[in-house]
């Protein structure tokens, strides 16, 4: 049973490391609400800009936001 837990932990660590590298290389990702199109269908009338990404179709990845928050807190604590 222990090798399975070790293997699962190693897989989770590799996944987290690859996501951190991806966030460092490419901090922008597609908007999940509009799927990268930049507009949302309206109930009545014409399409409108997506309110989450302001019509651009891209947003900052969650991992990049977390990294920036940690960096800001670290710098604020060491002033």
N, C-alpha and C. Protein backbone atom coordinates (compact mmCIF):
# COMPACT_ATOMS: atom_id res chain seq x y z
N UNK A 1 0.82 -1.20 0.00
CA UNK A 1 0.00 0.00 0.00
C UNK A 1 0.86 1.25 0.00
N UNK A 2 1.99 1.21 0.64
CA UNK A 2 2.85 2.38 0.72
C UNK A 2 3.38 2.81 -0.64
N UNK A 3 3.77 1.90 -1.55
CA UNK A 3 4.23 2.37 -2.87
C UNK A 3 3.14 3.10 -3.65
N UNK A 4 1.87 2.72 -3.45
CA UNK A 4 0.79 3.41 -4.15
C UNK A 4 0.66 4.84 -3.65
N UNK A 5 0.75 5.03 -2.35
CA UNK A 5 0.66 6.37 -1.77
C UNK A 5 1.85 7.21 -2.22
N UNK A 6 3.03 6.61 -2.24
CA UNK A 6 4.23 7.31 -2.69
C UNK A 6 4.11 7.70 -4.16
N UNK A 7 3.60 6.81 -4.96
CA UNK A 7 3.42 7.09 -6.38
C UNK A 7 2.38 8.20 -6.61
N UNK A 8 1.29 8.17 -5.86
CA UNK A 8 0.28 9.21 -5.97
C UNK A 8 0.84 10.56 -5.53
N UNK A 9 1.63 10.58 -4.46
CA UNK A 9 2.24 11.83 -4.00
C UNK A 9 3.22 12.37 -5.03
N UNK A 10 3.98 11.48 -5.64
CA UNK A 10 4.94 11.89 -6.66
C UNK A 10 4.21 12.45 -7.89
N UNK A 11 3.12 11.82 -8.27
CA UNK A 11 2.34 12.30 -9.41
C UNK A 11 1.75 13.68 -9.12
N UNK A 12 1.24 13.89 -7.91
CA UNK A 12 0.68 15.20 -7.54
C UNK A 12 1.77 16.27 -7.53
N UNK A 13 2.95 15.92 -7.05
CA UNK A 13 4.07 16.86 -7.02
C UNK A 13 4.52 17.23 -8.43
N UNK A 14 4.58 16.26 -9.31
CA UNK A 14 4.97 16.52 -10.70
C UNK A 14 3.92 17.41 -11.38
N UNK A 15 2.65 17.13 -11.14
CA UNK A 15 1.58 17.95 -11.72
C UNK A 15 1.67 19.38 -11.22
N UNK A 16 1.87 19.57 -9.92
CA UNK A 16 1.96 20.92 -9.35
C UNK A 16 3.17 21.66 -9.90
N UNK A 17 4.29 20.97 -10.04
CA UNK A 17 5.50 21.61 -10.57
C UNK A 17 5.31 22.01 -12.03
N UNK A 18 4.68 21.15 -12.81
CA UNK A 18 4.47 21.49 -14.22
C UNK A 18 3.50 22.66 -14.36
N UNK A 19 2.47 22.73 -13.50
CA UNK A 19 1.54 23.86 -13.55
C UNK A 19 2.24 25.15 -13.13
N UNK A 20 3.11 25.09 -12.14
CA UNK A 20 3.85 26.28 -11.72
C UNK A 20 4.76 26.77 -12.84
N UNK A 21 5.39 25.86 -13.55
CA UNK A 21 6.25 26.23 -14.68
C UNK A 21 5.40 26.85 -15.79
N UNK A 22 4.25 26.26 -16.04
CA UNK A 22 3.36 26.80 -17.08
C UNK A 22 2.89 28.21 -16.72
N UNK A 23 2.58 28.44 -15.45
CA UNK A 23 2.15 29.78 -15.02
C UNK A 23 3.28 30.79 -15.14
N UNK A 24 4.51 30.34 -14.90
CA UNK A 24 5.66 31.24 -15.01
C UNK A 24 5.95 31.59 -16.47
N UNK A 25 5.81 30.61 -17.35
CA UNK A 25 6.11 30.84 -18.77
C UNK A 25 4.97 31.59 -19.45
N UNK A 26 3.75 31.16 -19.22
CA UNK A 26 2.59 31.76 -19.88
C UNK A 26 1.52 32.08 -18.84
N UNK A 27 1.53 33.30 -18.28
CA UNK A 27 0.58 33.62 -17.22
C UNK A 27 -0.85 33.80 -17.71
N UNK A 28 -1.08 33.91 -19.01
CA UNK A 28 -2.41 34.13 -19.54
C UNK A 28 -3.05 32.83 -19.99
N UNK A 29 -4.34 32.69 -19.72
CA UNK A 29 -5.11 31.53 -20.15
C UNK A 29 -6.45 31.98 -20.71
N UNK A 30 -7.15 31.05 -21.37
CA UNK A 30 -8.46 31.39 -21.91
C UNK A 30 -9.45 31.63 -20.78
N UNK A 31 -10.36 32.55 -21.01
CA UNK A 31 -11.42 32.82 -20.05
C UNK A 31 -12.36 31.62 -20.04
N UNK A 32 -12.68 31.12 -18.85
CA UNK A 32 -13.54 29.95 -18.74
C UNK A 32 -15.00 30.29 -18.97
N UNK A 33 -15.39 31.50 -18.73
CA UNK A 33 -16.80 31.86 -18.88
C UNK A 33 -17.19 31.98 -20.36
N UNK A 34 -16.36 32.64 -21.16
CA UNK A 34 -16.70 32.82 -22.58
C UNK A 34 -15.92 31.88 -23.49
N UNK A 35 -15.10 31.02 -22.93
CA UNK A 35 -14.29 30.05 -23.68
C UNK A 35 -13.35 30.71 -24.67
N UNK A 36 -12.87 31.90 -24.33
CA UNK A 36 -11.88 32.60 -25.15
C UNK A 36 -12.45 33.41 -26.30
N UNK A 37 -13.76 33.50 -26.43
CA UNK A 37 -14.34 34.26 -27.54
C UNK A 37 -14.43 35.75 -27.23
N UNK A 38 -14.56 36.10 -25.97
CA UNK A 38 -14.65 37.51 -25.59
C UNK A 38 -16.05 38.04 -25.49
N UNK A 39 -17.05 37.26 -25.89
CA UNK A 39 -18.43 37.75 -25.76
C UNK A 39 -19.33 36.66 -25.20
N UNK A 40 -20.39 37.10 -24.58
CA UNK A 40 -21.37 36.21 -23.97
C UNK A 40 -22.70 36.41 -24.65
N UNK A 41 -23.45 35.35 -24.88
CA UNK A 41 -24.78 35.55 -25.46
C UNK A 41 -25.71 36.19 -24.44
N UNK A 42 -26.46 37.15 -24.88
CA UNK A 42 -27.44 37.81 -24.01
C UNK A 42 -28.76 37.06 -24.09
N UNK A 43 -29.57 37.18 -23.06
CA UNK A 43 -30.87 36.53 -23.08
C UNK A 43 -31.77 37.13 -24.15
N UNK A 44 -31.76 38.45 -24.25
CA UNK A 44 -32.58 39.14 -25.24
C UNK A 44 -31.67 40.12 -25.97
N UNK A 45 -31.68 40.08 -27.27
CA UNK A 45 -30.90 41.04 -28.04
C UNK A 45 -29.56 40.50 -28.48
N UNK A 46 -28.61 41.40 -28.66
CA UNK A 46 -27.32 41.04 -29.23
C UNK A 46 -26.35 40.52 -28.17
N UNK A 47 -25.26 39.97 -28.65
CA UNK A 47 -24.22 39.49 -27.74
C UNK A 47 -23.53 40.70 -27.08
N UNK A 48 -22.98 40.48 -25.92
CA UNK A 48 -22.28 41.55 -25.22
C UNK A 48 -20.92 41.05 -24.76
N UNK A 49 -20.03 41.97 -24.40
CA UNK A 49 -18.70 41.59 -23.94
C UNK A 49 -18.78 40.77 -22.66
N UNK A 50 -17.89 39.83 -22.52
CA UNK A 50 -17.83 39.01 -21.31
C UNK A 50 -17.40 39.89 -20.14
N UNK A 51 -18.15 39.91 -19.05
CA UNK A 51 -17.79 40.77 -17.93
C UNK A 51 -16.55 40.29 -17.17
N UNK A 52 -16.23 39.02 -17.26
CA UNK A 52 -15.09 38.50 -16.51
C UNK A 52 -13.76 38.89 -17.15
N UNK A 53 -13.68 38.84 -18.48
CA UNK A 53 -12.41 39.16 -19.15
C UNK A 53 -12.47 40.50 -19.89
N UNK A 54 -13.55 41.23 -19.77
CA UNK A 54 -13.75 42.52 -20.44
C UNK A 54 -13.66 42.42 -21.96
N UNK A 55 -14.09 41.29 -22.51
CA UNK A 55 -14.13 41.12 -23.95
C UNK A 55 -12.82 40.73 -24.60
N UNK A 56 -11.78 40.47 -23.82
CA UNK A 56 -10.49 40.10 -24.40
C UNK A 56 -10.38 38.61 -24.68
N UNK A 57 -11.08 37.78 -23.92
CA UNK A 57 -11.02 36.34 -24.10
C UNK A 57 -9.90 35.67 -23.31
N UNK A 58 -9.07 36.46 -22.62
CA UNK A 58 -7.98 35.88 -21.83
C UNK A 58 -8.01 36.44 -20.41
N UNK A 59 -7.50 35.65 -19.48
CA UNK A 59 -7.42 36.05 -18.08
C UNK A 59 -6.12 35.53 -17.49
N UNK A 60 -5.71 36.11 -16.38
CA UNK A 60 -4.52 35.64 -15.68
C UNK A 60 -4.85 34.30 -15.01
N UNK A 61 -3.95 33.34 -15.14
CA UNK A 61 -4.17 32.02 -14.53
C UNK A 61 -4.23 32.13 -13.01
N UNK A 62 -4.96 31.23 -12.39
CA UNK A 62 -5.11 31.23 -10.94
C UNK A 62 -3.77 31.01 -10.25
N UNK A 63 -2.96 30.11 -10.78
CA UNK A 63 -1.65 29.84 -10.20
C UNK A 63 -0.76 31.07 -10.22
N UNK A 64 -0.85 31.87 -11.27
CA UNK A 64 -0.06 33.10 -11.35
C UNK A 64 -0.54 34.12 -10.32
N UNK A 65 -1.86 34.18 -10.11
CA UNK A 65 -2.40 35.09 -9.09
C UNK A 65 -1.91 34.70 -7.70
N UNK A 66 -1.91 33.41 -7.42
CA UNK A 66 -1.44 32.93 -6.11
C UNK A 66 0.03 33.25 -5.93
N UNK A 67 0.84 33.03 -6.96
CA UNK A 67 2.27 33.32 -6.88
C UNK A 67 2.52 34.81 -6.65
N UNK A 68 1.77 35.66 -7.34
CA UNK A 68 1.92 37.10 -7.16
C UNK A 68 1.49 37.54 -5.76
N UNK A 69 0.44 36.93 -5.23
CA UNK A 69 0.00 37.25 -3.87
C UNK A 69 1.06 36.86 -2.85
N UNK A 70 1.63 35.69 -2.98
CA UNK A 70 2.69 35.24 -2.06
C UNK A 70 3.90 36.16 -2.16
N UNK A 71 4.28 36.53 -3.39
CA UNK A 71 5.43 37.42 -3.58
C UNK A 71 5.17 38.79 -2.95
N UNK A 72 3.96 39.33 -3.12
CA UNK A 72 3.62 40.63 -2.54
C UNK A 72 3.64 40.59 -1.03
N UNK A 73 3.08 39.54 -0.44
CA UNK A 73 3.07 39.41 1.02
C UNK A 73 4.50 39.25 1.56
N UNK A 74 5.32 38.51 0.86
CA UNK A 74 6.71 38.31 1.29
C UNK A 74 7.46 39.64 1.28
N UNK A 75 7.28 40.39 0.20
CA UNK A 75 7.97 41.68 0.10
C UNK A 75 7.46 42.67 1.13
N UNK A 76 6.15 42.65 1.42
CA UNK A 76 5.59 43.56 2.41
C UNK A 76 6.09 43.24 3.81
N UNK A 77 6.37 41.98 4.08
CA UNK A 77 6.83 41.58 5.39
C UNK A 77 8.31 41.86 5.62
N UNK A 78 9.06 42.07 4.55
CA UNK A 78 10.49 42.28 4.67
C UNK A 78 10.91 43.72 4.37
N UNK A 79 10.03 44.65 4.60
CA UNK A 79 10.38 46.07 4.39
C UNK A 79 10.74 46.74 5.68
